[in-house]
N, C-alpha and C. Protein backbone atom coordinates (compact mmCIF):
# COMPACT_ATOMS: atom_id res chain seq x y z
N UNK A 1 0.83 -1.08 0.15
CA UNK A 1 0.44 -0.13 0.06
C UNK A 1 0.88 1.01 0.27
N UNK A 2 0.65 2.14 -0.99
CA UNK A 2 0.96 3.43 -1.05
C UNK A 2 1.17 4.17 0.44
N UNK A 3 2.12 4.96 0.84
CA UNK A 3 1.86 6.18 1.45
C UNK A 3 0.84 6.82 1.58
N UNK A 4 0.52 7.50 0.32
CA UNK A 4 -0.85 7.98 -0.48
C UNK A 4 -1.82 7.56 0.54
N UNK A 5 -2.12 6.64 -0.15
CA UNK A 5 -3.57 5.49 -0.09
C UNK A 5 -3.16 5.60 1.57
N UNK A 6 -1.97 4.84 2.36
CA UNK A 6 -2.33 4.74 3.64
C UNK A 6 -2.94 6.43 4.44
N UNK A 7 -2.12 7.60 4.26
CA UNK A 7 -2.56 8.57 4.78
C UNK A 7 -4.42 8.50 4.38
N UNK A 8 -4.66 8.34 2.93
CA UNK A 8 -6.29 8.18 3.02
C UNK A 8 -7.01 8.12 3.86
N UNK A 9 -6.68 6.53 4.22
CA UNK A 9 -7.37 5.47 4.67
C UNK A 9 -7.55 6.02 6.22
N UNK A 10 -6.69 6.92 6.79
CA UNK A 10 -6.69 7.06 8.35
C UNK A 10 -7.40 8.05 8.35
N UNK A 11 -7.35 9.52 7.24
CA UNK A 11 -7.90 10.01 7.37
C UNK A 11 -9.59 10.16 7.20
N UNK A 12 -9.75 9.03 6.28
CA UNK A 12 -11.00 8.18 6.01
C UNK A 12 -11.84 7.89 7.42
N UNK A 13 -10.69 6.90 8.01
CA UNK A 13 -10.94 6.45 9.25
C UNK A 13 -11.27 7.49 10.66
N UNK A 14 -10.11 8.03 10.46
CA UNK A 14 -10.88 9.29 11.95
C UNK A 14 -12.15 10.14 11.71
N UNK A 15 -12.49 10.52 10.65
CA UNK A 15 -13.45 11.21 9.93
C UNK A 15 -14.96 10.42 10.54
N UNK A 16 -15.03 9.09 9.26
CA UNK A 16 -15.83 8.04 9.74
C UNK A 16 -16.20 7.92 11.27
N UNK A 17 -15.42 7.66 11.98
CA UNK A 17 -15.17 7.47 13.44
C UNK A 17 -15.54 8.48 13.87
N UNK A 18 -15.81 9.45 13.61
CA UNK A 18 -15.76 10.95 15.16
C UNK A 18 -16.98 10.87 14.36
N UNK A 19 -17.71 11.00 13.02
CA UNK A 19 -19.15 11.03 12.94
C UNK A 19 -19.95 10.19 13.60
N UNK A 20 -19.23 8.76 13.16
CA UNK A 20 -20.52 8.03 13.81
C UNK A 20 -20.42 8.16 15.65
N UNK A 21 -19.72 8.74 16.32
CA UNK A 21 -19.52 8.37 17.84
C UNK A 21 -21.11 9.50 18.08
N UNK A 22 -20.71 10.72 17.13
CA UNK A 22 -21.56 11.72 17.02
C UNK A 22 -23.17 11.51 17.12
N UNK A 23 -23.37 10.83 15.68
CA UNK A 23 -24.44 10.20 15.30
C UNK A 23 -25.19 9.26 16.67
N UNK A 24 -23.60 7.98 16.88
CA UNK A 24 -24.53 7.25 17.99
C UNK A 24 -24.57 7.85 19.57
N UNK A 25 -24.33 9.22 19.77
CA UNK A 25 -24.51 9.86 20.63
C UNK A 25 -25.96 10.43 20.40
N UNK A 26 -25.77 10.97 19.73
CA UNK A 26 -27.46 11.88 19.75
C UNK A 26 -28.39 10.87 19.51
N UNK A 27 -28.19 9.67 18.99
CA UNK A 27 -29.48 8.48 18.48
C UNK A 27 -29.54 7.59 19.35
N UNK A 28 -28.75 7.64 20.51
CA UNK A 28 -28.63 6.63 21.50
C UNK A 28 -28.47 7.32 23.11
N UNK A 29 -29.09 8.53 22.74
CA UNK A 29 -28.43 8.97 24.08
C UNK A 29 -29.77 8.52 25.06
N UNK A 30 -29.70 8.46 26.42
CA UNK A 30 -30.92 8.24 27.39
C UNK A 30 -31.89 9.41 27.36
N UNK A 31 -32.59 8.79 27.64
CA UNK A 31 -33.45 9.89 27.88
C UNK A 31 -34.03 9.87 29.52
N UNK A 32 -34.83 10.59 29.41
CA UNK A 32 -34.67 11.60 31.31
C UNK A 32 -36.06 10.85 31.58
N UNK A 33 -36.31 10.17 32.69
CA UNK A 33 -37.32 9.37 33.61
C UNK A 33 -38.60 10.22 33.40
N UNK A 34 -39.63 9.49 33.23
CA UNK A 34 -40.88 10.60 32.84
C UNK A 34 -41.40 9.90 34.13
N UNK A 35 -41.29 8.70 35.12
CA UNK A 35 -41.82 8.51 36.12
C UNK A 35 -42.19 9.23 37.48
N UNK A 36 -40.83 10.01 37.48
CA UNK A 36 -40.47 10.58 38.43
C UNK A 36 -39.84 11.96 38.71
N UNK A 37 -40.33 12.85 39.39
CA UNK A 37 -40.07 14.20 39.40
C UNK A 37 -38.30 14.26 39.37
N UNK A 38 -37.86 15.17 38.35
CA UNK A 38 -36.01 15.06 38.76
C UNK A 38 -35.76 15.16 40.29
N UNK A 39 -36.06 16.07 41.37
CA UNK A 39 -35.48 16.34 42.19
C UNK A 39 -35.95 15.49 43.53
N UNK A 40 -36.71 13.84 42.93
CA UNK A 40 -36.81 13.19 43.80
C UNK A 40 -37.68 11.69 43.84
N UNK A 41 -37.54 10.95 44.37
CA UNK A 41 -37.56 9.03 44.22
C UNK A 41 -39.55 8.84 44.36
N UNK A 42 -40.09 8.20 43.70
CA UNK A 42 -41.13 7.78 44.02
C UNK A 42 -41.07 6.13 44.01
N UNK A 43 -41.68 5.80 45.43
CA UNK A 43 -41.69 4.12 46.00
C UNK A 43 -42.26 3.71 46.28
N UNK A 44 -43.22 2.61 46.25
CA UNK A 44 -44.04 2.25 47.48
C UNK A 44 -42.78 1.61 48.95
N UNK A 45 -41.98 1.29 48.69
CA UNK A 45 -40.97 0.87 50.12
C UNK A 45 -39.78 0.71 49.90
N UNK A 46 -39.36 1.22 50.99
CA UNK A 46 -37.78 1.69 51.12
C UNK A 46 -37.21 0.88 51.81
N UNK A 47 -35.81 0.18 51.69
CA UNK A 47 -35.63 -0.92 53.09
C UNK A 47 -33.95 -0.51 53.09
N UNK A 48 -33.97 -0.64 54.81
CA UNK A 48 -32.03 -0.45 54.90
C UNK A 48 -31.63 -1.94 55.44
N UNK A 49 -30.69 -2.31 54.58
CA UNK A 49 -30.19 -3.55 54.60
C UNK A 49 -28.93 -3.50 55.45
N UNK A 50 -28.60 -4.49 56.43
CA UNK A 50 -27.31 -4.47 56.53
C UNK A 50 -26.23 -5.23 55.60
N UNK A 51 -25.24 -5.66 56.57
CA UNK A 51 -23.92 -5.53 55.54
C UNK A 51 -24.36 -7.33 55.27
N UNK A 52 -24.66 -7.67 55.49
CA UNK A 52 -25.32 -8.98 54.86
C UNK A 52 -26.35 -9.14 54.87
N UNK A 53 -27.40 -8.47 54.19
CA UNK A 53 -28.40 -8.68 53.89
C UNK A 53 -29.48 -8.64 54.42
N UNK A 54 -29.91 -8.82 55.72
CA UNK A 54 -30.76 -8.17 56.21
C UNK A 54 -31.15 -7.54 56.22
N UNK A 55 -32.62 -6.62 56.02
CA UNK A 55 -33.51 -6.16 56.25
C UNK A 55 -33.63 -5.38 58.19
N UNK A 56 -32.57 -3.90 58.17
CA UNK A 56 -32.89 -3.74 59.24
C UNK A 56 -33.95 -2.36 59.60
N UNK A 57 -34.27 -1.81 58.67
CA UNK A 57 -35.48 -0.61 58.34
C UNK A 57 -36.24 -0.62 57.45
N UNK A 58 -37.29 -0.25 57.61
CA UNK A 58 -38.23 -0.50 56.12
C UNK A 58 -39.59 1.25 56.46
N UNK A 59 -39.33 1.19 55.34
CA UNK A 59 -40.99 2.78 55.18
C UNK A 59 -41.78 2.65 54.52
N UNK A 60 -42.75 1.86 54.45
CA UNK A 60 -43.66 1.63 53.44
C UNK A 60 -44.78 1.58 53.71
N UNK A 61 -45.93 0.89 52.56
CA UNK A 61 -47.20 0.93 52.51
C UNK A 61 -47.49 -0.22 52.51
N UNK A 62 -48.95 -0.19 53.30
CA UNK A 62 -49.32 -1.85 53.35
C UNK A 62 -50.23 -2.09 51.99
N UNK A 63 -51.59 -2.85 52.20
CA UNK A 63 -51.74 -3.40 51.15
C UNK A 63 -53.26 -2.00 51.04
N UNK A 64 -53.40 -1.58 52.49
CA UNK A 64 -54.58 -0.89 52.47
C UNK A 64 -53.70 0.94 52.33
N UNK A 65 -52.87 1.08 51.98
CA UNK A 65 -52.25 2.33 51.69
C UNK A 65 -52.16 2.88 53.29
N UNK A 66 -52.04 2.02 54.11
CA UNK A 66 -50.94 3.16 55.23
C UNK A 66 -49.77 2.83 55.41
N UNK A 67 -49.03 4.14 56.12
CA UNK A 67 -47.84 4.36 56.06
C UNK A 67 -47.34 3.64 57.41
N UNK A 68 -46.73 2.78 56.88
CA UNK A 68 -45.69 2.23 59.00
C UNK A 68 -44.14 2.63 58.38
N UNK A 69 -43.26 2.25 59.25
CA UNK A 69 -41.81 2.88 59.23
C UNK A 69 -41.71 2.08 60.75
N UNK A 70 -40.43 0.40 60.36
CA UNK A 70 -40.11 -0.01 61.14
C UNK A 70 -38.48 -0.57 61.09
N UNK A 71 -38.31 -1.28 62.23
CA UNK A 71 -37.03 -0.85 62.99
C UNK A 71 -36.59 -1.78 63.96
N UNK A 72 -35.33 -2.61 63.17
CA UNK A 72 -35.31 -3.90 63.80
C UNK A 72 -34.35 -3.80 64.61
N UNK A 73 -33.65 -4.78 65.38
CA UNK A 73 -33.00 -4.53 65.91
C UNK A 73 -31.86 -5.18 65.55
N UNK A 74 -30.04 -5.36 65.65
CA UNK A 74 -29.16 -6.24 65.57
C UNK A 74 -29.30 -7.55 65.17
N UNK A 75 -29.82 -7.71 66.49
CA UNK A 75 -30.24 -9.28 66.55
C UNK A 75 -30.88 -9.20 66.30
N UNK A 76 -32.07 -8.56 66.23
CA UNK A 76 -33.34 -9.36 65.19
C UNK A 76 -34.56 -9.71 66.50
N UNK A 77 -34.39 -9.43 67.87
CA UNK A 77 -35.31 -9.72 68.74
C UNK A 77 -36.65 -8.67 69.24
N UNK A 78 -35.89 -7.10 68.54
CA UNK A 78 -37.07 -6.03 68.66
C UNK A 78 -37.16 -6.03 67.14
N UNK A 79 -38.76 -5.04 67.78
CA UNK A 79 -38.74 -4.67 66.49
C UNK A 79 -39.70 -3.01 66.77
N UNK A 80 -39.60 -2.23 66.75
CA UNK A 80 -40.14 -0.67 66.73
C UNK A 80 -40.73 -0.48 65.54
N UNK A 81 -42.62 -0.22 65.40
CA UNK A 81 -43.01 -0.11 64.71
C UNK A 81 -43.86 1.49 64.80
N UNK A 82 -43.87 2.22 63.95
CA UNK A 82 -44.19 3.40 63.85
C UNK A 82 -45.59 3.32 62.97
N UNK A 83 -46.86 3.35 63.22
CA UNK A 83 -47.66 3.14 62.37
C UNK A 83 -49.18 4.04 62.57
N UNK A 84 -49.03 5.38 62.29
CA UNK A 84 -49.75 6.12 62.59
C UNK A 84 -51.61 6.01 62.48
N UNK A 85 -51.78 4.92 61.53
CA UNK A 85 -52.98 4.55 61.81
C UNK A 85 -53.59 3.33 61.99
N UNK A 86 -52.05 2.99 62.60
CA UNK A 86 -53.15 1.14 63.44
C UNK A 86 -53.29 2.09 65.33
N UNK A 87 -53.96 1.14 65.42
CA UNK A 87 -54.65 1.55 66.98
C UNK A 87 -53.51 2.03 67.63
N UNK A 88 -52.23 1.12 67.94
CA UNK A 88 -51.01 2.04 68.85
C UNK A 88 -50.61 2.45 67.60
N UNK A 89 -50.04 3.84 67.49
CA UNK A 89 -48.92 4.06 66.64
C UNK A 89 -47.46 4.26 67.33
N UNK A 90 -47.28 3.64 68.07
CA UNK A 90 -45.69 3.30 68.67
C UNK A 90 -45.73 1.73 68.88
N UNK A 91 -45.13 0.55 68.71
CA UNK A 91 -45.08 -0.53 69.30
C UNK A 91 -43.86 -1.09 69.05
N UNK A 92 -43.20 -1.56 70.42
CA UNK A 92 -41.94 -2.19 70.83
C UNK A 92 -42.23 -3.95 70.59
N UNK A 93 -42.06 -5.01 69.60
CA UNK A 93 -42.22 -6.40 70.32
C UNK A 93 -40.83 -7.05 69.63
N UNK A 94 -41.32 -8.61 70.42
CA UNK A 94 -40.18 -9.05 69.94
C UNK A 94 -40.20 -9.88 69.00
N UNK A 95 -39.33 -11.33 68.72
CA UNK A 95 -39.32 -11.42 67.57
C UNK A 95 -40.23 -12.53 67.02
N UNK A 96 -41.19 -12.99 68.25
CA UNK A 96 -42.20 -14.02 68.08
C UNK A 96 -43.58 -12.61 67.83
N UNK A 97 -43.00 -11.40 68.04
CA UNK A 97 -44.40 -10.32 67.82
C UNK A 97 -45.02 -11.04 68.94
N UNK A 98 -44.77 -10.72 70.39
CA UNK A 98 -45.41 -10.11 71.32
C UNK A 98 -45.43 -8.82 71.29
N UNK A 99 -46.27 -8.08 71.86
CA UNK A 99 -45.78 -6.69 72.15
C UNK A 99 -45.09 -6.30 73.63
N UNK A 100 -43.88 -5.63 73.49
CA UNK A 100 -43.60 -5.42 74.85
C UNK A 100 -43.89 -3.80 75.29
N UNK A 101 -44.13 -3.40 75.04
CA UNK A 101 -44.31 -1.86 74.60
C UNK A 101 -45.67 -1.24 74.17
N UNK A 102 -46.47 -0.32 74.10
CA UNK A 102 -46.67 0.59 73.09
C UNK A 102 -47.44 2.00 73.33
N UNK A 103 -47.56 2.45 72.30
CA UNK A 103 -48.71 4.15 72.94
C UNK A 103 -49.00 4.17 71.65
N UNK A 104 -50.49 4.72 72.19
CA UNK A 104 -51.63 5.23 71.42
C UNK A 104 -51.20 6.49 70.22
């Protein structure tokens, strides 16, 4: 291959790759998410997991649309529930579900 043809091939390759990158960036650019506000996050449940993957806290809605915040102790023996729509707004229970303390 002559030196002139090699130079021409390099220039054409450079121009083609630059044009292709520009067009693919425009054509394949990700679009903004339409289901959420730009400055917010929408979900029915948020979970806080520890390093072993166990849920330690959760904020969410139940099947009736009532909100609650649940906090678990490190050993999993106690659970603190804050649920303003329940009979008791605050409950502290053991791992078997027995209520140790509650407040209206």
